[in-house]
């Protein structure tokens, strides 16, 4: 048998209408054309699909089997058509995000919550870009956006500015270094440094300060959550370096202070890296717009 979607729609329409005339009207074809289509389908099947001389027209056991197939397949086809339509008009698609900034999970979640309200049909997923090489994954279309502080010259990739932040030293209010107007790399030699559990090259305190100065802290302790890092710092269990907006947003306690790294401070910039071909997609523009709005809020505090 060679079954086409029109055959499934035909069997479904006749079952619902209870007769050929009404079904033909529903399908906007002539009754004669519908009768020929039914005969051709029965010739292929080698069995009758309807119980003749019954009013309303009833399906035979073979027709019931074909109707069951139609009711399984046609909704899936309709859903696929809707999905393709959404892809064409930009209301549906995929937004898989890789984050090379560990602290950015806390900043990104409010953005995605707003995004979901406007583009609920877009498949959103977040992957920690620190666990794999995010930029090649972007080029291979395994992810669709990378949050990064390290722009590169890559053909077909755009780095869109999000916001600037300062990497700041955080210590308990009673800590000796809290009395200094700023800290230097040398100040970390005898300290327990509390960091996120990522490679050193991905941490501002190492890449921008300690590694260039060839300074090694006395001890490094890795902690997953920003709030826990601040709890430990406030308890004088160590010092840390965090983005200034993280310290403002978490607002865990008043028992710690922040100081600039070096006399002039260390400022970094976050970017959203996307494929150039995706720039004009409506849901990509929406996400970038929401990210920009949230970034301005962070900088305005």
C-alpha atoms as a PDB file:
ATOM      1  CA  UNK A   1       0.000   0.000   0.000  1.00  0.00           C
ATOM      2  CA  UNK A   2       1.017   3.544  -0.725  1.00  0.00           C
ATOM      3  CA  UNK A   3      -0.734   5.605   1.953  1.00  0.00           C
ATOM      4  CA  UNK A   4      -0.606   9.383   1.667  1.00  0.00           C
ATOM      5  CA  UNK A   5      -1.595  12.042   4.175  1.00  0.00           C
ATOM      6  CA  UNK A   6      -4.655  12.837   2.016  1.00  0.00           C
ATOM      7  CA  UNK A   7      -5.843   9.258   2.458  1.00  0.00           C
ATOM      8  CA  UNK A   8      -5.637   9.612   6.227  1.00  0.00           C
ATOM      9  CA  UNK A   9      -7.478  12.932   6.102  1.00  0.00           C
ATOM     10  CA  UNK A  10     -10.137  11.344   3.888  1.00  0.00           C
ATOM     11  CA  UNK A  11     -10.836   8.427   6.225  1.00  0.00           C
ATOM     12  CA  UNK A  12     -11.001  10.809   9.181  1.00  0.00           C
ATOM     13  CA  UNK A  13     -13.346  13.233   7.397  1.00  0.00           C
ATOM     14  CA  UNK A  14     -15.761  10.487   6.275  1.00  0.00           C
ATOM     15  CA  UNK A  15     -15.850   9.036   9.788  1.00  0.00           C
ATOM     16  CA  UNK A  16     -16.616  12.429  11.304  1.00  0.00           C
ATOM     17  CA  UNK A  17     -19.156  13.420   8.635  1.00  0.00           C
ATOM     18  CA  UNK A  18     -20.949  10.050   8.498  1.00  0.00           C
ATOM     19  CA  UNK A  19     -21.248  10.142   4.705  1.00  0.00           C
ATOM     20  CA  UNK A  20     -19.457  10.955   1.466  1.00  0.00           C
ATOM     21  CA  UNK A  21     -21.460  14.066   0.571  1.00  0.00           C
ATOM     22  CA  UNK A  22     -20.815  15.852   3.864  1.00  0.00           C
ATOM     23  CA  UNK A  23     -17.173  14.724   3.927  1.00  0.00           C
ATOM     24  CA  UNK A  24     -16.622  16.048   0.391  1.00  0.00           C
ATOM     25  CA  UNK A  25     -18.080  19.379   1.463  1.00  0.00           C
ATOM     26  CA  UNK A  26     -15.781  19.484   4.501  1.00  0.00           C
ATOM     27  CA  UNK A  27     -12.749  18.721   2.324  1.00  0.00           C
ATOM     28  CA  UNK A  28     -13.838  21.154  -0.409  1.00  0.00           C
ATOM     29  CA  UNK A  29     -13.759  18.529  -3.171  1.00  0.00           C
ATOM     30  CA  UNK A  30     -16.498  16.922  -5.257  1.00  0.00           C
ATOM     31  CA  UNK A  31     -18.260  13.797  -4.028  1.00  0.00           C
ATOM     32  CA  UNK A  32     -17.201  12.026  -7.230  1.00  0.00           C
ATOM     33  CA  UNK A  33     -13.521  12.823  -6.594  1.00  0.00           C
ATOM     34  CA  UNK A  34     -13.840  11.594  -3.027  1.00  0.00           C
ATOM     35  CA  UNK A  35     -15.509   8.340  -4.164  1.00  0.00           C
ATOM     36  CA  UNK A  36     -12.670   7.686  -6.629  1.00  0.00           C
ATOM     37  CA  UNK A  37     -10.122   8.341  -3.898  1.00  0.00           C
ATOM     38  CA  UNK A  38     -11.839   5.869  -1.556  1.00  0.00           C
ATOM     39  CA  UNK A  39     -12.083   3.225  -4.313  1.00  0.00           C
ATOM     40  CA  UNK A  40      -8.404   3.661  -5.154  1.00  0.00           C
ATOM     41  CA  UNK A  41      -7.444   3.260  -1.509  1.00  0.00           C
ATOM     42  CA  UNK A  42      -9.617   0.134  -1.143  1.00  0.00           C
ATOM     43  CA  UNK A  43      -8.100  -1.338  -4.310  1.00  0.00           C
ATOM     44  CA  UNK A  44      -4.626  -0.832  -2.794  1.00  0.00           C
ATOM     45  CA  UNK A  45      -5.636  -2.347   0.527  1.00  0.00           C
ATOM     46  CA  UNK A  46      -7.506  -5.234  -1.058  1.00  0.00           C
ATOM     47  CA  UNK A  47     -10.282  -4.887   1.557  1.00  0.00           C
ATOM     48  CA  UNK A  48     -13.349  -2.724   2.027  1.00  0.00           C
ATOM     49  CA  UNK A  49     -12.857   0.208   4.365  1.00  0.00           C
ATOM     50  CA  UNK A  50     -16.563   1.000   4.812  1.00  0.00           C
ATOM     51  CA  UNK A  51     -19.713  -0.962   5.516  1.00  0.00           C
ATOM     52  CA  UNK A  52     -21.839  -0.218   2.463  1.00  0.00           C
ATOM     53  CA  UNK A  53     -25.567   0.556   2.727  1.00  0.00           C
ATOM     54  CA  UNK A  54     -25.189   1.756   6.324  1.00  0.00           C
ATOM     55  CA  UNK A  55     -26.485   5.148   7.440  1.00  0.00           C
ATOM     56  CA  UNK A  56     -24.527   6.912   8.675  1.00  0.00           C
ATOM     57  CA  UNK A  57     -21.655   5.396   6.721  1.00  0.00           C
ATOM     58  CA  UNK A  58     -19.616   3.213   9.054  1.00  0.00           C
ATOM     59  CA  UNK A  59     -16.034   2.064   8.935  1.00  0.00           C
ATOM     60  CA  UNK A  60     -15.226  -1.627   8.519  1.00  0.00           C
ATOM     61  CA  UNK A  61     -12.694  -3.215  10.907  1.00  0.00           C
ATOM     62  CA  UNK A  62      -9.992  -2.443   8.319  1.00  0.00           C
ATOM     63  CA  UNK A  63     -11.248   1.137   8.091  1.00  0.00           C
ATOM     64  CA  UNK A  64     -11.112   1.425  11.878  1.00  0.00           C
ATOM     65  CA  UNK A  65      -7.445   0.408  11.776  1.00  0.00           C
ATOM     66  CA  UNK A  66      -6.737   3.078   9.177  1.00  0.00           C
ATOM     67  CA  UNK A  67      -8.668   5.657  11.222  1.00  0.00           C
ATOM     68  CA  UNK A  68      -6.576   4.803  14.274  1.00  0.00           C
ATOM     69  CA  UNK A  69      -3.436   5.450  12.228  1.00  0.00           C
ATOM     70  CA  UNK A  70      -4.873   8.754  10.993  1.00  0.00           C
ATOM     71  CA  UNK A  71      -5.634   9.906  14.538  1.00  0.00           C
ATOM     72  CA  UNK A  72      -2.080   9.077  15.585  1.00  0.00           C
ATOM     73  CA  UNK A  73      -0.250  10.557  12.612  1.00  0.00           C
ATOM     74  CA  UNK A  74      -2.237  13.651  11.610  1.00  0.00           C
ATOM     75  CA  UNK A  75      -1.869  15.503  14.945  1.00  0.00           C
ATOM     76  CA  UNK A  76       1.887  14.903  14.776  1.00  0.00           C
ATOM     77  CA  UNK A  77       1.980  16.237  11.224  1.00  0.00           C
ATOM     78  CA  UNK A  78      -0.018  19.308  12.281  1.00  0.00           C
ATOM     79  CA  UNK A  79       2.340  19.909  15.200  1.00  0.00           C
ATOM     80  CA  UNK A  80       5.336  19.634  12.869  1.00  0.00           C
ATOM     81  CA  UNK A  81       3.765  22.098  10.454  1.00  0.00           C
ATOM     82  CA  UNK A  82       3.197  24.545  13.326  1.00  0.00           C
ATOM     83  CA  UNK A  83       6.814  24.094  14.414  1.00  0.00           C
ATOM     84  CA  UNK A  84       8.120  24.762  10.900  1.00  0.00           C
ATOM     85  CA  UNK A  85       5.826  27.779  10.649  1.00  0.00           C
ATOM     86  CA  UNK A  86       7.280  29.057  13.931  1.00  0.00           C
ATOM     87  CA  UNK A  87      10.804  28.567  12.620  1.00  0.00           C
ATOM     88  CA  UNK A  88       9.940  30.544   9.494  1.00  0.00           C
ATOM     89  CA  UNK A  89       8.417  33.499  11.339  1.00  0.00           C
ATOM     90  CA  UNK A  90      10.942  33.405  14.191  1.00  0.00           C
ATOM     91  CA  UNK A  91       8.520  32.587  17.011  1.00  0.00           C
ATOM     92  CA  UNK A  92      10.039  29.133  17.600  1.00  0.00           C
ATOM     93  CA  UNK A  93      13.482  27.609  17.499  1.00  0.00           C
ATOM     94  CA  UNK A  94      16.357  26.711  19.789  1.00  0.00           C
ATOM     95  CA  UNK A  95      18.362  28.837  22.196  1.00  0.00           C
ATOM     96  CA  UNK A  96      21.127  26.773  23.771  1.00  0.00           C
ATOM     97  CA  UNK A  97      23.436  28.990  25.814  1.00  0.00           C
ATOM     98  CA  UNK A  98      26.989  28.306  26.983  1.00  0.00           C
ATOM     99  CA  UNK A  99      28.325  30.390  29.874  1.00  0.00           C
ATOM    100  CA  UNK A 100      32.041  31.012  30.265  1.00  0.00           C
ATOM    101  CA  UNK A 101      31.348  33.211  33.297  1.00  0.00           C
ATOM    102  CA  UNK A 102      30.460  31.087  36.334  1.00  0.00           C
ATOM    103  CA  UNK A 103      28.773  33.942  38.220  1.00  0.00           C
ATOM    104  CA  UNK A 104      26.595  34.765  35.197  1.00  0.00           C
ATOM    105  CA  UNK A 105      24.090  32.031  36.047  1.00  0.00           C
ATOM    106  CA  UNK A 106      22.644  34.382  38.653  1.00  0.00           C
ATOM    107  CA  UNK A 107      22.461  37.276  36.208  1.00  0.00           C
ATOM    108  CA  UNK A 108      21.059  35.237  33.306  1.00  0.00           C
ATOM    109  CA  UNK A 109      18.138  33.482  35.016  1.00  0.00           C
ATOM    110  CA  UNK A 110      15.954  36.646  35.337  1.00  0.00           C
ATOM    111  CA  UNK A 111      16.619  37.361  31.653  1.00  0.00           C
ATOM    112  CA  UNK A 112      15.499  33.870  30.621  1.00  0.00           C
ATOM    113  CA  UNK A 113      12.386  34.081  32.780  1.00  0.00           C
ATOM    114  CA  UNK A 114      11.283  37.215  30.906  1.00  0.00           C
ATOM    115  CA  UNK A 115      12.274  35.637  27.584  1.00  0.00           C
ATOM    116  CA  UNK A 116      10.132  32.564  28.289  1.00  0.00           C
ATOM    117  CA  UNK A 117       7.007  34.711  28.622  1.00  0.00           C
ATOM    118  CA  UNK A 118       7.400  36.047  25.074  1.00  0.00           C
ATOM    119  CA  UNK A 119       8.901  32.996  23.335  1.00  0.00           C
ATOM    120  CA  UNK A 120       7.594  29.963  25.164  1.00  0.00           C
ATOM    121  CA  UNK A 121       7.991  27.812  22.026  1.00  0.00           C
ATOM    122  CA  UNK A 122      11.756  28.316  21.911  1.00  0.00           C
ATOM    123  CA  UNK A 123      13.731  25.405  23.352  1.00  0.00           C
ATOM    124  CA  UNK A 124      16.041  26.980  25.962  1.00  0.00           C
ATOM    125  CA  UNK A 125      18.953  25.176  27.575  1.00  0.00           C
ATOM    126  CA  UNK A 126      22.040  26.318  29.493  1.00  0.00           C
ATOM    127  CA  UNK A 127      25.374  24.561  29.349  1.00  0.00           C
ATOM    128  CA  UNK A 128      28.353  25.545  31.518  1.00  0.00           C
ATOM    129  CA  UNK A 129      30.800  26.659  28.835  1.00  0.00           C
ATOM    130  CA  UNK A 130      33.610  26.220  31.338  1.00  0.00           C
ATOM    131  CA  UNK A 131      33.213  22.456  30.995  1.00  0.00           C
ATOM    132  CA  UNK A 132      33.933  22.383  27.239  1.00  0.00           C
ATOM    133  CA  UNK A 133      35.305  24.564  24.440  1.00  0.00           C
ATOM    134  CA  UNK A 134      32.337  26.844  23.809  1.00  0.00           C
ATOM    135  CA  UNK A 135      33.418  28.753  20.683  1.00  0.00           C
ATOM    136  CA  UNK A 136      34.000  25.680  18.485  1.00  0.00           C
ATOM    137  CA  UNK A 137      30.642  24.407  19.774  1.00  0.00           C
ATOM    138  CA  UNK A 138      29.053  27.674  18.614  1.00  0.00           C
ATOM    139  CA  UNK A 139      30.530  27.219  15.135  1.00  0.00           C
ATOM    140  CA  UNK A 140      29.342  23.594  15.050  1.00  0.00           C
ATOM    141  CA  UNK A 141      25.836  24.851  15.963  1.00  0.00           C
ATOM    142  CA  UNK A 142      25.818  22.789  19.152  1.00  0.00           C
ATOM    143  CA  UNK A 143      25.075  25.996  21.092  1.00  0.00           C
ATOM    144  CA  UNK A 144      23.541  29.255  19.875  1.00  0.00           C
ATOM    145  CA  UNK A 145      24.962  31.886  22.228  1.00  0.00           C
ATOM    146  CA  UNK A 146      28.068  32.062  24.400  1.00  0.00           C
ATOM    147  CA  UNK A 147      28.422  34.483  27.323  1.00  0.00           C
ATOM    148  CA  UNK A 148      32.129  35.329  27.458  1.00  0.00           C
ATOM    149  CA  UNK A 149      34.573  38.002  28.582  1.00  0.00           C
ATOM    150  CA  UNK A 150      37.160  37.053  25.954  1.00  0.00           C
ATOM    151  CA  UNK A 151      36.223  38.315  22.455  1.00  0.00           C
ATOM    152  CA  UNK A 152      38.008  36.756  19.499  1.00  0.00           C
ATOM    153  CA  UNK A 153      38.233  37.401  15.763  1.00  0.00           C
ATOM    154  CA  UNK A 154      36.192  34.472  14.400  1.00  0.00           C
ATOM    155  CA  UNK A 155      34.657  34.513  10.935  1.00  0.00           C
ATOM    156  CA  UNK A 156      30.875  34.279  11.113  1.00  0.00           C
ATOM    157  CA  UNK A 157      30.727  35.121  14.836  1.00  0.00           C
ATOM    158  CA  UNK A 158      29.712  38.437  16.390  1.00  0.00           C
ATOM    159  CA  UNK A 159      30.594  39.544  19.923  1.00  0.00           C
ATOM    160  CA  UNK A 160      27.873  41.849  21.214  1.00  0.00           C
ATOM    161  CA  UNK A 161      28.705  43.988  24.242  1.00  0.00           C
ATOM    162  CA  UNK A 162      26.595  43.325  27.316  1.00  0.00           C
ATOM    163  CA  UNK A 163      28.095  45.289  30.203  1.00  0.00           C
ATOM    164  CA  UNK A 164      31.303  46.224  32.016  1.00  0.00           C
ATOM    165  CA  UNK A 165      32.046  45.158  35.561  1.00  0.00           C
ATOM    166  CA  UNK A 166      34.856  45.477  38.070  1.00  0.00           C
ATOM    167  CA  UNK A 167      36.536  42.480  39.635  1.00  0.00           C
ATOM    168  CA  UNK A 168      36.689  43.449  43.325  1.00  0.00           C
ATOM    169  CA  UNK A 169      38.469  42.064  46.360  1.00  0.00           C
ATOM    170  CA  UNK A 170      36.114  40.886  49.112  1.00  0.00           C
ATOM    171  CA  UNK A 171      37.165  40.372  52.753  1.00  0.00           C
ATOM    172  CA  UNK A 172      35.592  40.319  56.186  1.00  0.00           C
ATOM    173  CA  UNK A 173      35.216  43.757  57.750  1.00  0.00           C
ATOM    174  CA  UNK A 174      37.681  42.723  60.464  1.00  0.00           C
ATOM    175  CA  UNK A 175      40.291  41.399  58.019  1.00  0.00           C
ATOM    176  CA  UNK A 176      43.621  43.299  58.029  1.00  0.00           C
ATOM    177  CA  UNK A 177      43.431  43.893  54.263  1.00  0.00           C
ATOM    178  CA  UNK A 178      40.034  45.593  54.711  1.00  0.00           C
ATOM    179  CA  UNK A 179      41.939  48.614  56.038  1.00  0.00           C
ATOM    180  CA  UNK A 180      43.768  49.112  52.726  1.00  0.00           C
ATOM    181  CA  UNK A 181      42.342  51.429  50.039  1.00  0.00           C
ATOM    182  CA  UNK A 182      43.176  48.779  47.412  1.00  0.00           C
ATOM    183  CA  UNK A 183      44.934  45.405  47.245  1.00  0.00           C
ATOM    184  CA  UNK A 184      47.767  44.166  45.051  1.00  0.00           C
ATOM    185  CA  UNK A 185      48.898  40.758  43.905  1.00  0.00           C
ATOM    186  CA  UNK A 186      51.436  40.554  46.754  1.00  0.00           C
ATOM    187  CA  UNK A 187      48.616  40.811  49.305  1.00  0.00           C
ATOM    188  CA  UNK A 188      47.381  37.352  48.297  1.00  0.00           C
ATOM    189  CA  UNK A 189      50.604  35.425  49.106  1.00  0.00           C
ATOM    190  CA  UNK A 190      49.585  34.497  52.647  1.00  0.00           C
ATOM    191  CA  UNK A 191      45.810  34.312  52.055  1.00  0.00           C
ATOM    192  CA  UNK A 192      43.211  31.584  51.590  1.00  0.00           C
ATOM    193  CA  UNK A 193      41.588  32.526  48.281  1.00  0.00           C
ATOM    194  CA  UNK A 194      38.012  31.308  47.794  1.00  0.00           C
ATOM    195  CA  UNK A 195      37.074  30.897  44.125  1.00  0.00           C
ATOM    196  CA  UNK A 196      34.542  29.239  41.872  1.00  0.00           C
ATOM    197  CA  UNK A 197      35.439  25.652  40.863  1.00  0.00           C
ATOM    198  CA  UNK A 198      36.782  26.480  37.381  1.00  0.00           C
ATOM    199  CA  UNK A 199      40.155  26.613  35.665  1.00  0.00           C
ATOM    200  CA  UNK A 200      42.416  29.389  36.897  1.00  0.00           C
ATOM    201  CA  UNK A 201      42.732  30.862  33.433  1.00  0.00           C
ATOM    202  CA  UNK A 202      38.973  31.519  33.527  1.00  0.00           C
ATOM    203  CA  UNK A 203      39.097  33.460  36.813  1.00  0.00           C
ATOM    204  CA  UNK A 204      39.781  37.203  36.702  1.00  0.00           C
ATOM    205  CA  UNK A 205      41.861  37.162  39.884  1.00  0.00           C
ATOM    206  CA  UNK A 206      44.321  34.725  38.295  1.00  0.00           C
ATOM    207  CA  UNK A 207      44.247  35.794  34.633  1.00  0.00           C
ATOM    208  CA  UNK A 208      44.311  39.544  35.280  1.00  0.00           C
ATOM    209  CA  UNK A 209      46.325  39.796  38.507  1.00  0.00           C
ATOM    210  CA  UNK A 210      48.080  36.811  40.067  1.00  0.00           C
ATOM    211  CA  UNK A 211      49.403  34.954  37.010  1.00  0.00           C
ATOM    212  CA  UNK A 212      51.011  38.054  35.435  1.00  0.00           C
ATOM    213  CA  UNK A 213      52.613  38.857  38.828  1.00  0.00           C
ATOM    214  CA  UNK A 214      53.642  35.200  39.381  1.00  0.00           C
ATOM    215  CA  UNK A 215      51.985  35.188  42.796  1.00  0.00           C
ATOM    216  CA  UNK A 216      50.525  32.055  44.371  1.00  0.00           C
ATOM    217  CA  UNK A 217      48.050  32.297  47.278  1.00  0.00           C
ATOM    218  CA  UNK A 218      48.787  30.270  50.404  1.00  0.00           C
ATOM    219  CA  UNK A 219      45.687  28.167  49.791  1.00  0.00           C
ATOM    220  CA  UNK A 220      42.869  28.017  47.214  1.00  0.00           C
ATOM    221  CA  UNK A 221      39.414  26.816  48.249  1.00  0.00           C
ATOM    222  CA  UNK A 222      36.764  26.189  45.587  1.00  0.00           C
ATOM    223  CA  UNK A 223      33.083  26.872  46.266  1.00  0.00           C
ATOM    224  CA  UNK A 224      30.165  26.574  43.819  1.00  0.00           C
ATOM    225  CA  UNK A 225      27.727  29.277  45.014  1.00  0.00           C
ATOM    226  CA  UNK A 226      28.305  33.024  45.319  1.00  0.00           C
ATOM    227  CA  UNK A 227      26.230  33.223  48.502  1.00  0.00           C
ATOM    228  CA  UNK A 228      28.368  30.536  50.147  1.00  0.00           C
ATOM    229  CA  UNK A 229      31.562  32.325  49.108  1.00  0.00           C
ATOM    230  CA  UNK A 230      30.302  35.500  50.785  1.00  0.00           C
ATOM    231  CA  UNK A 231      29.246  33.543  53.863  1.00  0.00           C
ATOM    232  CA  UNK A 232      32.757  32.136  54.227  1.00  0.00           C
ATOM    233  CA  UNK A 233      34.345  35.535  53.609  1.00  0.00           C
ATOM    234  CA  UNK A 234      32.101  37.191  56.219  1.00  0.00           C
ATOM    235  CA  UNK A 235      33.140  34.428  58.647  1.00  0.00           C
ATOM    236  CA  UNK A 236      36.806  35.296  57.959  1.00  0.00           C
ATOM    237  CA  UNK A 237      37.533  31.886  56.421  1.00  0.00           C
ATOM    238  CA  UNK A 238      39.300  33.454  53.477  1.00  0.00           C
ATOM    239  CA  UNK A 239      39.148  36.249  50.901  1.00  0.00           C
ATOM    240  CA  UNK A 240      37.705  36.289  47.409  1.00  0.00           C
ATOM    241  CA  UNK A 241      37.514  38.220  44.157  1.00  0.00           C
ATOM    242  CA  UNK A 242      34.066  38.572  42.589  1.00  0.00           C
ATOM    243  CA  UNK A 243      32.365  40.747  39.981  1.00  0.00           C
ATOM    244  CA  UNK A 244      31.085  43.901  41.679  1.00  0.00           C
ATOM    245  CA  UNK A 245      27.522  43.219  40.512  1.00  0.00           C
ATOM    246  CA  UNK A 246      27.537  39.791  42.176  1.00  0.00           C
ATOM    247  CA  UNK A 247      28.397  41.347  45.546  1.00  0.00           C
ATOM    248  CA  UNK A 248      25.610  43.911  45.099  1.00  0.00           C
ATOM    249  CA  UNK A 249      23.009  41.395  43.928  1.00  0.00           C
ATOM    250  CA  UNK A 250      23.586  38.686  46.533  1.00  0.00           C
ATOM    251  CA  UNK A 251      23.568  41.121  49.485  1.00  0.00           C
ATOM    252  CA  UNK A 252      24.250  38.342  51.934  1.00  0.00           C
ATOM    253  CA  UNK A 253      25.652  40.316  54.869  1.00  0.00           C
ATOM    254  CA  UNK A 254      27.196  43.608  55.988  1.00  0.00           C
ATOM    255  CA  UNK A 255      30.154  41.779  57.571  1.00  0.00           C
ATOM    256  CA  UNK A 256      32.389  42.097  54.519  1.00  0.00           C
ATOM    257  CA  UNK A 257      33.830  44.935  52.466  1.00  0.00           C
ATOM    258  CA  UNK A 258      35.048  45.325  48.889  1.00  0.00           C
ATOM    259  CA  UNK A 259      38.238  46.949  47.690  1.00  0.00           C
ATOM    260  CA  UNK A 260      39.611  47.595  44.175  1.00  0.00           C
ATOM    261  CA  UNK A 261      42.219  45.269  42.704  1.00  0.00           C
ATOM    262  CA  UNK A 262      45.264  47.527  42.226  1.00  0.00           C
ATOM    263  CA  UNK A 263      45.140  51.285  42.516  1.00  0.00           C
ATOM    264  CA  UNK A 264      43.217  51.766  39.269  1.00  0.00           C
ATOM    265  CA  UNK A 265      40.959  48.715  39.529  1.00  0.00           C
ATOM    266  CA  UNK A 266      40.438  45.919  37.010  1.00  0.00           C
ATOM    267  CA  UNK A 267      37.495  46.342  34.644  1.00  0.00           C
ATOM    268  CA  UNK A 268      36.199  43.551  32.442  1.00  0.00           C
ATOM    269  CA  UNK A 269      33.497  43.408  29.761  1.00  0.00           C
ATOM    270  CA  UNK A 270      30.964  40.665  29.111  1.00  0.00           C
ATOM    271  CA  UNK A 271      29.881  39.760  25.584  1.00  0.00           C
ATOM    272  CA  UNK A 272      27.231  37.618  23.940  1.00  0.00           C
ATOM    273  CA  UNK A 273      28.848  35.670  21.099  1.00  0.00           C
ATOM    274  CA  UNK A 274      26.402  34.553  18.397  1.00  0.00           C
ATOM    275  CA  UNK A 275      26.554  33.346  14.809  1.00  0.00           C
ATOM    276  CA  UNK A 276      26.105  36.284  12.437  1.00  0.00           C
ATOM    277  CA  UNK A 277      23.381  34.420  10.548  1.00  0.00           C
ATOM    278  CA  UNK A 278      21.247  34.317  13.716  1.00  0.00           C
ATOM    279  CA  UNK A 279      21.425  38.038  14.498  1.00  0.00           C
ATOM    280  CA  UNK A 280      18.096  38.909  12.844  1.00  0.00           C
ATOM    281  CA  UNK A 281      16.044  36.055  14.292  1.00  0.00           C
ATOM    282  CA  UNK A 282      13.206  37.621  16.317  1.00  0.00           C
ATOM    283  CA  UNK A 283      13.817  35.482  19.399  1.00  0.00           C
ATOM    284  CA  UNK A 284      17.560  36.228  19.291  1.00  0.00           C
ATOM    285  CA  UNK A 285      16.846  39.949  19.095  1.00  0.00           C
ATOM    286  CA  UNK A 286      14.421  39.613  22.011  1.00  0.00           C
ATOM    287  CA  UNK A 287      16.976  37.817  24.187  1.00  0.00           C
ATOM    288  CA  UNK A 288      19.726  40.316  23.386  1.00  0.00           C
ATOM    289  CA  UNK A 289      17.341  43.175  24.131  1.00  0.00           C
ATOM    290  CA  UNK A 290      16.366  41.703  27.503  1.00  0.00           C
ATOM    291  CA  UNK A 291      20.021  41.011  28.292  1.00  0.00           C
ATOM    292  CA  UNK A 292      20.861  44.636  27.506  1.00  0.00           C
ATOM    293  CA  UNK A 293      18.066  45.882  29.765  1.00  0.00           C
ATOM    294  CA  UNK A 294      19.201  43.680  32.635  1.00  0.00           C
ATOM    295  CA  UNK A 295      22.799  44.791  32.075  1.00  0.00           C
ATOM    296  CA  UNK A 296      21.811  48.447  32.379  1.00  0.00           C
ATOM    297  CA  UNK A 297      20.081  47.651  35.676  1.00  0.00           C
ATOM    298  CA  UNK A 298      23.263  46.067  37.004  1.00  0.00           C
ATOM    299  CA  UNK A 299      25.357  49.063  35.997  1.00  0.00           C
ATOM    300  CA  UNK A 300      22.864  51.573  37.394  1.00  0.00           C
ATOM    301  CA  UNK A 301      23.085  50.200  40.942  1.00  0.00           C
END
